[in-house]
Structure formats: structure tokens, C-alpha cells
Amino acid sequence: MKLVALIAVFMTGALLIYGVEDMPRWGDPNSPASSHVSPKYIQEAIEKTATPNMVSAVLADYRGYDTLGETSVIYTAAIACILMLRKKRKGEGE
């Protein structure tokens, strides 16, 4: 069983290393994120969102639903942890 797990780990590692070879270099100005996405945010962020700060425009308007989803997941996990770890009082159901 340990041998199967070790083989699975090595195969996953090899697959990840193979996938990294196709990624653009760090800071490459010709990468898709730098040549397609960033210019659109820079040119249209202030006029489309009416926010004076470009960082706030991207985080609050463009990524608002994503941020709300992440916050909801963290809130739900915190509530679940509190409910699981709380102490039971005497007299509550066993």
C-alpha cells in the first residue's frame, strides 16, 4: 500500500513539473495576463467603476463576487469549528 502511495506521489510530482514547463516566465510582458487582461483593467477600471483607486476597483467591482464567495466559505468554516468545539453544558442531550 505504501508503494502505491509513493508511486502516486512521484507521478503527481512529475505531472506538475511537466505542467510548469508550459507556463510563461515570471514577469514576462508578453504573457497572456500581461498582454490581454492587465491593459483592459488599466484602461477601463476608473471609468467603468467610478472608483478613484484602481486596486479598489479591481478588488471591489471586478472581483466582488469572488471575494464574497471566499468570505462566505471562511465564515461558514469558522461557524462550523465553533459549533464542533464548543463545550456542552450539564443537562444538554448526550
PDB file of N, CA and C in Angstrom:
ATOM      1  N   MET A   1       0.826  -1.198   0.000  1.00  0.00           N
ATOM      2  CA  MET A   1       0.000   0.000   0.000  1.00  0.00           C
ATOM      3  C   MET A   1       0.864   1.253   0.000  1.00  0.00           C
ATOM      4  N   LYS A   2       1.963   1.218   0.776  1.00  0.00           N
ATOM      5  CA  LYS A   2       2.860   2.374   0.809  1.00  0.00           C
ATOM      6  C   LYS A   2       3.545   2.566  -0.537  1.00  0.00           C
ATOM      7  N   LEU A   3       3.820   1.481  -1.217  1.00  0.00           N
ATOM      8  CA  LEU A   3       4.463   1.578  -2.528  1.00  0.00           C
ATOM      9  C   LEU A   3       3.528   2.247  -3.538  1.00  0.00           C
ATOM     10  N   VAL A   4       2.256   1.909  -3.495  1.00  0.00           N
ATOM     11  CA  VAL A   4       1.276   2.516  -4.396  1.00  0.00           C
ATOM     12  C   VAL A   4       1.171   4.023  -4.122  1.00  0.00           C
ATOM     13  N   ALA A   5       1.141   4.387  -2.834  1.00  0.00           N
ATOM     14  CA  ALA A   5       1.071   5.807  -2.477  1.00  0.00           C
ATOM     15  C   ALA A   5       2.327   6.545  -2.935  1.00  0.00           C
ATOM     16  N   LEU A   6       3.492   5.927  -2.773  1.00  0.00           N
ATOM     17  CA  LEU A   6       4.745   6.553  -3.197  1.00  0.00           C
ATOM     18  C   LEU A   6       4.780   6.741  -4.712  1.00  0.00           C
ATOM     19  N   ILE A   7       4.309   5.751  -5.444  1.00  0.00           N
ATOM     20  CA  ILE A   7       4.260   5.863  -6.902  1.00  0.00           C
ATOM     21  C   ILE A   7       3.293   6.976  -7.312  1.00  0.00           C
ATOM     22  N   ALA A   8       2.156   7.071  -6.624  1.00  0.00           N
ATOM     23  CA  ALA A   8       1.184   8.126  -6.930  1.00  0.00           C
ATOM     24  C   ALA A   8       1.773   9.504  -6.660  1.00  0.00           C
ATOM     25  N   VAL A   9       2.532   9.645  -5.587  1.00  0.00           N
ATOM     26  CA  VAL A   9       3.166  10.929  -5.270  1.00  0.00           C
ATOM     27  C   VAL A   9       4.175  11.302  -6.347  1.00  0.00           C
ATOM     28  N   PHE A  10       5.006  10.355  -6.756  1.00  0.00           N
ATOM     29  CA  PHE A  10       6.001  10.655  -7.783  1.00  0.00           C
ATOM     30  C   PHE A  10       5.358  10.972  -9.133  1.00  0.00           C
ATOM     31  N   MET A  11       4.286  10.269  -9.468  1.00  0.00           N
ATOM     32  CA  MET A  11       3.613  10.548 -10.741  1.00  0.00           C
ATOM     33  C   MET A  11       2.952  11.925 -10.707  1.00  0.00           C
ATOM     34  N   THR A  12       2.364  12.284  -9.578  1.00  0.00           N
ATOM     35  CA  THR A  12       1.758  13.613  -9.446  1.00  0.00           C
ATOM     36  C   THR A  12       2.826  14.694  -9.531  1.00  0.00           C
ATOM     37  N   GLY A  13       3.951  14.485  -8.862  1.00  0.00           N
ATOM     38  CA  GLY A  13       5.057  15.442  -8.927  1.00  0.00           C
ATOM     39  C   GLY A  13       5.593  15.600 -10.343  1.00  0.00           C
ATOM     40  N   ALA A  14       5.751  14.482 -11.053  1.00  0.00           N
ATOM     41  CA  ALA A  14       6.235  14.555 -12.429  1.00  0.00           C
ATOM     42  C   ALA A  14       5.241  15.299 -13.316  1.00  0.00           C
ATOM     43  N   LEU A  15       3.942  15.068 -13.106  1.00  0.00           N
ATOM     44  CA  LEU A  15       2.925  15.761 -13.881  1.00  0.00           C
ATOM     45  C   LEU A  15       2.944  17.260 -13.591  1.00  0.00           C
ATOM     46  N   LEU A  16       3.131  17.648 -12.346  1.00  0.00           N
ATOM     47  CA  LEU A  16       3.210  19.070 -12.001  1.00  0.00           C
ATOM     48  C   LEU A  16       4.448  19.726 -12.607  1.00  0.00           C
ATOM     49  N   ILE A  17       5.569  19.052 -12.564  1.00  0.00           N
ATOM     50  CA  ILE A  17       6.792  19.597 -13.159  1.00  0.00           C
ATOM     51  C   ILE A  17       6.628  19.732 -14.673  1.00  0.00           C
ATOM     52  N   TYR A  18       5.995  18.753 -15.299  1.00  0.00           N
ATOM     53  CA  TYR A  18       5.731  18.829 -16.735  1.00  0.00           C
ATOM     54  C   TYR A  18       4.815  20.011 -17.060  1.00  0.00           C
ATOM     55  N   GLY A  19       3.824  20.267 -16.227  1.00  0.00           N
ATOM     56  CA  GLY A  19       2.905  21.371 -16.451  1.00  0.00           C
ATOM     57  C   GLY A  19       3.551  22.727 -16.258  1.00  0.00           C
ATOM     58  N   VAL A  20       4.506  22.821 -15.362  1.00  0.00           N
ATOM     59  CA  VAL A  20       5.180  24.093 -15.089  1.00  0.00           C
ATOM     60  C   VAL A  20       6.026  24.532 -16.281  1.00  0.00           C
ATOM     61  N   GLU A  21       6.497  23.596 -17.058  1.00  0.00           N
ATOM     62  CA  GLU A  21       7.340  23.928 -18.207  1.00  0.00           C
ATOM     63  C   GLU A  21       6.598  24.785 -19.238  1.00  0.00           C
ATOM     64  N   ASP A  22       5.273  24.660 -19.315  1.00  0.00           N
ATOM     65  CA  ASP A  22       4.483  25.413 -20.282  1.00  0.00           C
ATOM     66  C   ASP A  22       4.102  26.807 -19.808  1.00  0.00           C
ATOM     67  N   MET A  23       4.312  27.105 -18.544  1.00  0.00           N
ATOM     68  CA  MET A  23       3.915  28.409 -18.009  1.00  0.00           C
ATOM     69  C   MET A  23       4.874  29.498 -18.480  1.00  0.00           C
ATOM     70  N   PRO A  24       4.365  30.736 -18.630  1.00  0.00           N
ATOM     71  CA  PRO A  24       5.268  31.824 -19.030  1.00  0.00           C
ATOM     72  C   PRO A  24       6.243  32.164 -17.910  1.00  0.00           C
ATOM     73  N   ARG A  25       7.347  32.765 -18.268  1.00  0.00           N
ATOM     74  CA  ARG A  25       8.361  33.160 -17.282  1.00  0.00           C
ATOM     75  C   ARG A  25       7.783  34.214 -16.357  1.00  0.00           C
ATOM     76  N   TRP A  26       8.307  34.309 -15.143  1.00  0.00           N
ATOM     77  CA  TRP A  26       7.847  35.283 -14.157  1.00  0.00           C
ATOM     78  C   TRP A  26       8.125  36.697 -14.657  1.00  0.00           C
ATOM     79  N   GLY A  27       7.089  37.524 -14.720  1.00  0.00           N
ATOM     80  CA  GLY A  27       7.249  38.906 -15.150  1.00  0.00           C
ATOM     81  C   GLY A  27       7.342  39.086 -16.650  1.00  0.00           C
ATOM     82  N   ASP A  28       7.022  38.066 -17.420  1.00  0.00           N
ATOM     83  CA  ASP A  28       7.091  38.153 -18.879  1.00  0.00           C
ATOM     84  C   ASP A  28       6.047  39.149 -19.396  1.00  0.00           C
ATOM     85  N   PRO A  29       6.467  40.224 -20.067  1.00  0.00           N
ATOM     86  CA  PRO A  29       5.497  41.211 -20.551  1.00  0.00           C
ATOM     87  C   PRO A  29       4.632  40.695 -21.697  1.00  0.00           C
ATOM     88  N   ASN A  30       5.019  39.592 -22.323  1.00  0.00           N
ATOM     89  CA  ASN A  30       4.246  39.035 -23.430  1.00  0.00           C
ATOM     90  C   ASN A  30       3.322  37.898 -22.995  1.00  0.00           C
ATOM     91  N   SER A  31       3.215  37.656 -21.697  1.00  0.00           N
ATOM     92  CA  SER A  31       2.331  36.592 -21.215  1.00  0.00           C
ATOM     93  C   SER A  31       0.868  37.012 -21.420  1.00  0.00           C
ATOM     94  N   PRO A  32      -0.051  36.053 -21.501  1.00  0.00           N
ATOM     95  CA  PRO A  32      -1.462  36.400 -21.727  1.00  0.00           C
ATOM     96  C   PRO A  32      -2.034  37.329 -20.667  1.00  0.00           C
ATOM     97  N   ALA A  33      -1.647  37.170 -19.418  1.00  0.00           N
ATOM     98  CA  ALA A  33      -2.179  38.043 -18.374  1.00  0.00           C
ATOM     99  C   ALA A  33      -1.701  39.483 -18.558  1.00  0.00           C
ATOM    100  N   SER A  34      -0.469  39.644 -19.020  1.00  0.00           N
ATOM    101  CA  SER A  34       0.072  40.994 -19.199  1.00  0.00           C
ATOM    102  C   SER A  34      -0.378  41.645 -20.497  1.00  0.00           C
ATOM    103  N   SER A  35      -0.663  40.847 -21.505  1.00  0.00           N
ATOM    104  CA  SER A  35      -0.993  41.439 -22.801  1.00  0.00           C
ATOM    105  C   SER A  35      -2.493  41.553 -23.066  1.00  0.00           C
ATOM    106  N   HIS A  36      -3.325  40.817 -22.318  1.00  0.00           N
ATOM    107  CA  HIS A  36      -4.768  40.868 -22.572  1.00  0.00           C
ATOM    108  C   HIS A  36      -5.563  41.413 -21.384  1.00  0.00           C
ATOM    109  N   VAL A  37      -5.303  40.915 -20.198  1.00  0.00           N
ATOM    110  CA  VAL A  37      -6.122  41.250 -19.038  1.00  0.00           C
ATOM    111  C   VAL A  37      -5.721  42.587 -18.417  1.00  0.00           C
ATOM    112  N   SER A  38      -4.452  42.754 -18.140  1.00  0.00           N
ATOM    113  CA  SER A  38      -3.987  43.961 -17.443  1.00  0.00           C
ATOM    114  C   SER A  38      -4.311  45.256 -18.189  1.00  0.00           C
ATOM    115  N   PRO A  39      -4.068  45.349 -19.496  1.00  0.00           N
ATOM    116  CA  PRO A  39      -4.393  46.610 -20.178  1.00  0.00           C
ATOM    117  C   PRO A  39      -5.875  46.972 -20.099  1.00  0.00           C
ATOM    118  N   LYS A  40      -6.751  45.953 -20.130  1.00  0.00           N
ATOM    119  CA  LYS A  40      -8.184  46.238 -20.035  1.00  0.00           C
ATOM    120  C   LYS A  40      -8.510  46.844 -18.672  1.00  0.00           C
ATOM    121  N   TYR A  41      -7.958  46.286 -17.601  1.00  0.00           N
ATOM    122  CA  TYR A  41      -8.195  46.834 -16.266  1.00  0.00           C
ATOM    123  C   TYR A  41      -7.634  48.241 -16.146  1.00  0.00           C
ATOM    124  N   ILE A  42      -6.443  48.456 -16.673  1.00  0.00           N
ATOM    125  CA  ILE A  42      -5.804  49.764 -16.552  1.00  0.00           C
ATOM    126  C   ILE A  42      -6.585  50.827 -17.323  1.00  0.00           C
ATOM    127  N   GLN A  43      -7.055  50.505 -18.509  1.00  0.00           N
ATOM    128  CA  GLN A  43      -7.750  51.493 -19.337  1.00  0.00           C
ATOM    129  C   GLN A  43      -9.192  51.735 -18.911  1.00  0.00           C
ATOM    130  N   GLU A  44      -9.887  50.702 -18.447  1.00  0.00           N
ATOM    131  CA  GLU A  44     -11.323  50.829 -18.218  1.00  0.00           C
ATOM    132  C   GLU A  44     -11.746  50.841 -16.755  1.00  0.00           C
ATOM    133  N   ALA A  45     -10.846  50.604 -15.821  1.00  0.00           N
ATOM    134  CA  ALA A  45     -11.244  50.437 -14.414  1.00  0.00           C
ATOM    135  C   ALA A  45     -11.879  51.697 -13.837  1.00  0.00           C
ATOM    136  N   ILE A  46     -11.269  52.832 -14.032  1.00  0.00           N
ATOM    137  CA  ILE A  46     -11.741  54.050 -13.380  1.00  0.00           C
ATOM    138  C   ILE A  46     -13.065  54.525 -13.995  1.00  0.00           C
ATOM    139  N   GLU A  47     -13.195  54.469 -15.305  1.00  0.00           N
ATOM    140  CA  GLU A  47     -14.427  54.966 -15.924  1.00  0.00           C
ATOM    141  C   GLU A  47     -15.601  53.996 -15.778  1.00  0.00           C
ATOM    142  N   LYS A  48     -15.351  52.688 -15.732  1.00  0.00           N
ATOM    143  CA  LYS A  48     -16.447  51.733 -15.598  1.00  0.00           C
ATOM    144  C   LYS A  48     -16.917  51.565 -14.159  1.00  0.00           C
ATOM    145  N   THR A  49     -16.019  51.762 -13.196  1.00  0.00           N
ATOM    146  CA  THR A  49     -16.386  51.505 -11.804  1.00  0.00           C
ATOM    147  C   THR A  49     -16.602  52.771 -10.994  1.00  0.00           C
ATOM    148  N   ALA A  50     -16.193  53.901 -11.496  1.00  0.00           N
ATOM    149  CA  ALA A  50     -16.300  55.184 -10.783  1.00  0.00           C
ATOM    150  C   ALA A  50     -15.590  55.136  -9.439  1.00  0.00           C
ATOM    151  N   THR A  51     -14.483  54.423  -9.406  1.00  0.00           N
ATOM    152  CA  THR A  51     -13.664  54.327  -8.203  1.00  0.00           C
ATOM    153  C   THR A  51     -12.330  54.996  -8.495  1.00  0.00           C
ATOM    154  N   PRO A  52     -11.871  55.920  -7.653  1.00  0.00           N
ATOM    155  CA  PRO A  52     -10.640  56.637  -7.956  1.00  0.00           C
ATOM    156  C   PRO A  52      -9.373  55.789  -7.824  1.00  0.00           C
ATOM    157  N   ASN A  53      -9.443  54.700  -7.098  1.00  0.00           N
ATOM    158  CA  ASN A  53      -8.277  53.862  -6.882  1.00  0.00           C
ATOM    159  C   ASN A  53      -8.422  52.591  -7.719  1.00  0.00           C
ATOM    160  N   MET A  54      -7.434  52.273  -8.549  1.00  0.00           N
ATOM    161  CA  MET A  54      -7.525  51.127  -9.439  1.00  0.00           C
ATOM    162  C   MET A  54      -7.527  49.805  -8.677  1.00  0.00           C
ATOM    163  N   VAL A  55      -6.775  49.725  -7.586  1.00  0.00           N
ATOM    164  CA  VAL A  55      -6.747  48.488  -6.795  1.00  0.00           C
ATOM    165  C   VAL A  55      -8.114  48.223  -6.184  1.00  0.00           C
ATOM    166  N   SER A  56      -8.736  49.249  -5.643  1.00  0.00           N
ATOM    167  CA  SER A  56     -10.075  49.092  -5.075  1.00  0.00           C
ATOM    168  C   SER A  56     -11.089  48.735  -6.158  1.00  0.00           C
ATOM    169  N   ALA A  57     -10.927  49.286  -7.329  1.00  0.00           N
ATOM    170  CA  ALA A  57     -11.843  48.978  -8.427  1.00  0.00           C
ATOM    171  C   ALA A  57     -11.757  47.502  -8.796  1.00  0.00           C
ATOM    172  N   VAL A  58     -10.565  46.964  -8.876  1.00  0.00           N
ATOM    173  CA  VAL A  58     -10.405  45.556  -9.251  1.00  0.00           C
ATOM    174  C   VAL A  58     -10.924  44.653  -8.141  1.00  0.00           C
ATOM    175  N   LEU A  59     -10.561  44.940  -6.884  1.00  0.00           N
ATOM    176  CA  LEU A  59     -10.975  44.068  -5.786  1.00  0.00           C
ATOM    177  C   LEU A  59     -12.461  44.162  -5.487  1.00  0.00           C
ATOM    178  N   ALA A  60     -13.008  45.351  -5.495  1.00  0.00           N
ATOM    179  CA  ALA A  60     -14.402  45.519  -5.091  1.00  0.00           C
ATOM    180  C   ALA A  60     -15.378  45.285  -6.239  1.00  0.00           C
ATOM    181  N   ASP A  61     -15.072  45.765  -7.436  1.00  0.00           N
ATOM    182  CA  ASP A  61     -16.037  45.663  -8.525  1.00  0.00           C
ATOM    183  C   ASP A  61     -15.813  44.444  -9.421  1.00  0.00           C
ATOM    184  N   TYR A  62     -14.607  44.264  -9.906  1.00  0.00           N
ATOM    185  CA  TYR A  62     -14.372  43.149 -10.810  1.00  0.00           C
ATOM    186  C   TYR A  62     -14.332  41.814 -10.073  1.00  0.00           C
ATOM    187  N   ARG A  63     -13.761  41.778  -8.878  1.00  0.00           N
ATOM    188  CA  ARG A  63     -13.629  40.532  -8.133  1.00  0.00           C
ATOM    189  C   ARG A  63     -14.571  40.477  -6.945  1.00  0.00           C
ATOM    190  N   GLY A  64     -15.609  41.280  -6.942  1.00  0.00           N
ATOM    191  CA  GLY A  64     -16.510  41.364  -5.795  1.00  0.00           C
ATOM    192  C   GLY A  64     -17.197  40.048  -5.469  1.00  0.00           C
ATOM    193  N   TYR A  65     -17.729  39.376  -6.481  1.00  0.00           N
ATOM    194  CA  TYR A  65     -18.420  38.112  -6.222  1.00  0.00           C
ATOM    195  C   TYR A  65     -17.444  37.043  -5.758  1.00  0.00           C
ATOM    196  N   ASP A  66     -16.262  37.030  -6.319  1.00  0.00           N
ATOM    197  CA  ASP A  66     -15.249  36.071  -5.905  1.00  0.00           C
ATOM    198  C   ASP A  66     -14.863  36.294  -4.445  1.00  0.00           C
ATOM    199  N   THR A  67     -14.645  37.565  -4.079  1.00  0.00           N
ATOM    200  CA  THR A  67     -14.290  37.900  -2.711  1.00  0.00           C
ATOM    201  C   THR A  67     -15.435  37.559  -1.763  1.00  0.00           C
ATOM    202  N   LEU A  68     -16.673  37.815  -2.176  1.00  0.00           N
ATOM    203  CA  LEU A  68     -17.824  37.467  -1.360  1.00  0.00           C
ATOM    204  C   LEU A  68     -17.901  35.959  -1.154  1.00  0.00           C
ATOM    205  N   GLY A  69     -17.628  35.197  -2.186  1.00  0.00           N
ATOM    206  CA  GLY A  69     -17.631  33.732  -2.063  1.00  0.00           C
ATOM    207  C   GLY A  69     -16.577  33.237  -1.101  1.00  0.00           C
ATOM    208  N   GLU A  70     -15.367  33.786  -1.200  1.00  0.00           N
ATOM    209  CA  GLU A  70     -14.297  33.390  -0.284  1.00  0.00           C
ATOM    210  C   GLU A  70     -14.645  33.744   1.152  1.00  0.00           C
ATOM    211  N   THR A  71     -15.227  34.924   1.356  1.00  0.00           N
ATOM    212  CA  THR A  71     -15.609  35.340   2.697  1.00  0.00           C
ATOM    213  C   THR A  71     -16.696  34.424   3.251  1.00  0.00           C
ATOM    214  N   SER A  72     -17.632  34.031   2.419  1.00  0.00           N
ATOM    215  CA  SER A  72     -18.697  33.127   2.862  1.00  0.00           C
ATOM    216  C   SER A  72     -18.147  31.769   3.270  1.00  0.00           C
ATOM    217  N   VAL A  73     -17.184  31.259   2.525  1.00  0.00           N
ATOM    218  CA  VAL A  73     -16.583  29.970   2.860  1.00  0.00           C
ATOM    219  C   VAL A  73     -15.843  30.056   4.190  1.00  0.00           C
ATOM    220  N   ILE A  74     -15.070  31.118   4.401  1.00  0.00           N
ATOM    221  CA  ILE A  74     -14.331  31.271   5.654  1.00  0.00           C
ATOM    222  C   ILE A  74     -15.294  31.441   6.827  1.00  0.00           C
ATOM    223  N   TYR A  75     -16.361  32.213   6.648  1.00  0.00           N
ATOM    224  CA  TYR A  75     -17.355  32.400   7.701  1.00  0.00           C
ATOM    225  C   TYR A  75     -18.029  31.072   8.049  1.00  0.00           C
ATOM    226  N   THR A  76     -18.411  30.292   7.041  1.00  0.00           N
ATOM    227  CA  THR A  76     -19.052  29.007   7.284  1.00  0.00           C
ATOM    228  C   THR A  76     -18.113  28.048   8.005  1.00  0.00           C
ATOM    229  N   ALA A  77     -16.834  28.040   7.626  1.00  0.00           N
ATOM    230  CA  ALA A  77     -15.866  27.180   8.300  1.00  0.00           C
ATOM    231  C   ALA A  77     -15.672  27.598   9.750  1.00  0.00           C
ATOM    232  N   ALA A  78     -15.650  28.893  10.010  1.00  0.00           N
ATOM    233  CA  ALA A  78     -15.486  29.374  11.386  1.00  0.00           C
ATOM    234  C   ALA A  78     -16.682  28.982  12.241  1.00  0.00           C
ATOM    235  N   ILE A  79     -17.881  29.142  11.722  1.00  0.00           N
ATOM    236  CA  ILE A  79     -19.081  28.753  12.467  1.00  0.00           C
ATOM    237  C   ILE A  79     -19.089  27.250  12.723  1.00  0.00           C
ATOM    238  N   ALA A  80     -18.698  26.457  11.730  1.00  0.00           N
ATOM    239  CA  ALA A  80     -18.646  25.003  11.911  1.00  0.00           C
ATOM    240  C   ALA A  80     -17.651  24.622  12.992  1.00  0.00           C
ATOM    241  N   CYS A  81     -16.482  25.273  13.012  1.00  0.00           N
ATOM    242  CA  CYS A  81     -15.481  24.990  14.042  1.00  0.00           C
ATOM    243  C   CYS A  81     -15.994  25.363  15.429  1.00  0.00           C
ATOM    244  N   ILE A  82     -16.651  26.496  15.528  1.00  0.00           N
ATOM    245  CA  ILE A  82     -17.200  26.916  16.822  1.00  0.00           C
ATOM    246  C   ILE A  82     -18.249  25.911  17.297  1.00  0.00           C
ATOM    247  N   LEU A  83     -19.116  25.476  16.418  1.00  0.00           N
ATOM    248  CA  LEU A  83     -20.158  24.530  16.807  1.00  0.00           C
ATOM    249  C   LEU A  83     -19.581  23.166  17.195  1.00  0.00           C
ATOM    250  N   MET A  84     -18.534  22.730  16.525  1.00  0.00           N
ATOM    251  CA  MET A  84     -17.942  21.430  16.841  1.00  0.00           C
ATOM    252  C   MET A  84     -17.109  21.462  18.116  1.00  0.00           C
ATOM    253  N   LEU A  85     -16.471  22.582  18.393  1.00  0.00           N
ATOM    254  CA  LEU A  85     -15.538  22.642  19.521  1.00  0.00           C
ATOM    255  C   LEU A  85     -16.150  23.198  20.802  1.00  0.00           C
ATOM    256  N   ARG A  86     -17.410  23.615  20.775  1.00  0.00           N
ATOM    257  CA  ARG A  86     -17.984  24.190  21.980  1.00  0.00           C
ATOM    258  C   ARG A  86     -18.223  23.106  23.025  1.00  0.00           C
ATOM    259  N   LYS A  87     -18.231  23.519  24.271  1.00  0.00           N
ATOM    260  CA  LYS A  87     -18.461  22.588  25.364  1.00  0.00           C
ATOM    261  C   LYS A  87     -19.954  22.462  25.595  1.00  0.00           C
ATOM    262  N   LYS A  88     -20.370  21.258  25.922  1.00  0.00           N
ATOM    263  CA  LYS A  88     -21.780  21.051  26.240  1.00  0.00           C
ATOM    264  C   LYS A  88     -22.011  21.368  27.718  1.00  0.00           C
ATOM    265  N   ARG A  89     -23.119  21.977  27.992  1.00  0.00           N
ATOM    266  CA  ARG A  89     -23.487  22.282  29.360  1.00  0.00           C
ATOM    267  C   ARG A  89     -24.133  21.061  30.012  1.00  0.00           C
ATOM    268  N   LYS A  90     -24.127  21.066  31.311  1.00  0.00           N
ATOM    269  CA  LYS A  90     -24.783  19.968  32.013  1.00  0.00           C
ATOM    270  C   LYS A  90     -26.268  20.018  31.725  1.00  0.00           C
ATOM    271  N   GLY A  91     -26.848  18.861  31.493  1.00  0.00           N
ATOM    272  CA  GLY A  91     -28.267  18.790  31.230  1.00  0.00           C
ATOM    273  C   GLY A  91     -28.614  18.776  29.765  1.00  0.00           C
ATOM    274  N   GLU A  92     -27.679  19.109  28.871  1.00  0.00           N
ATOM    275  CA  GLU A  92     -27.961  19.040  27.430  1.00  0.00           C
ATOM    276  C   GLU A  92     -27.922  17.588  27.001  1.00  0.00           C
ATOM    277  N   GLY A  93     -28.523  17.311  25.863  1.00  0.00           N
ATOM    278  CA  GLY A  93     -28.563  15.937  25.343  1.00  0.00           C
ATOM    279  C   GLY A  93     -27.175  15.355  25.171  1.00  0.00           C
ATOM    280  N   GLU A  94     -27.124  14.058  25.358  1.00  0.00           N
ATOM    281  CA  GLU A  94     -25.814  13.399  25.276  1.00  0.00           C
ATOM    282  C   GLU A  94     -25.612  12.767  23.937  1.00  0.00           C
TER     283      GLU A  94
END
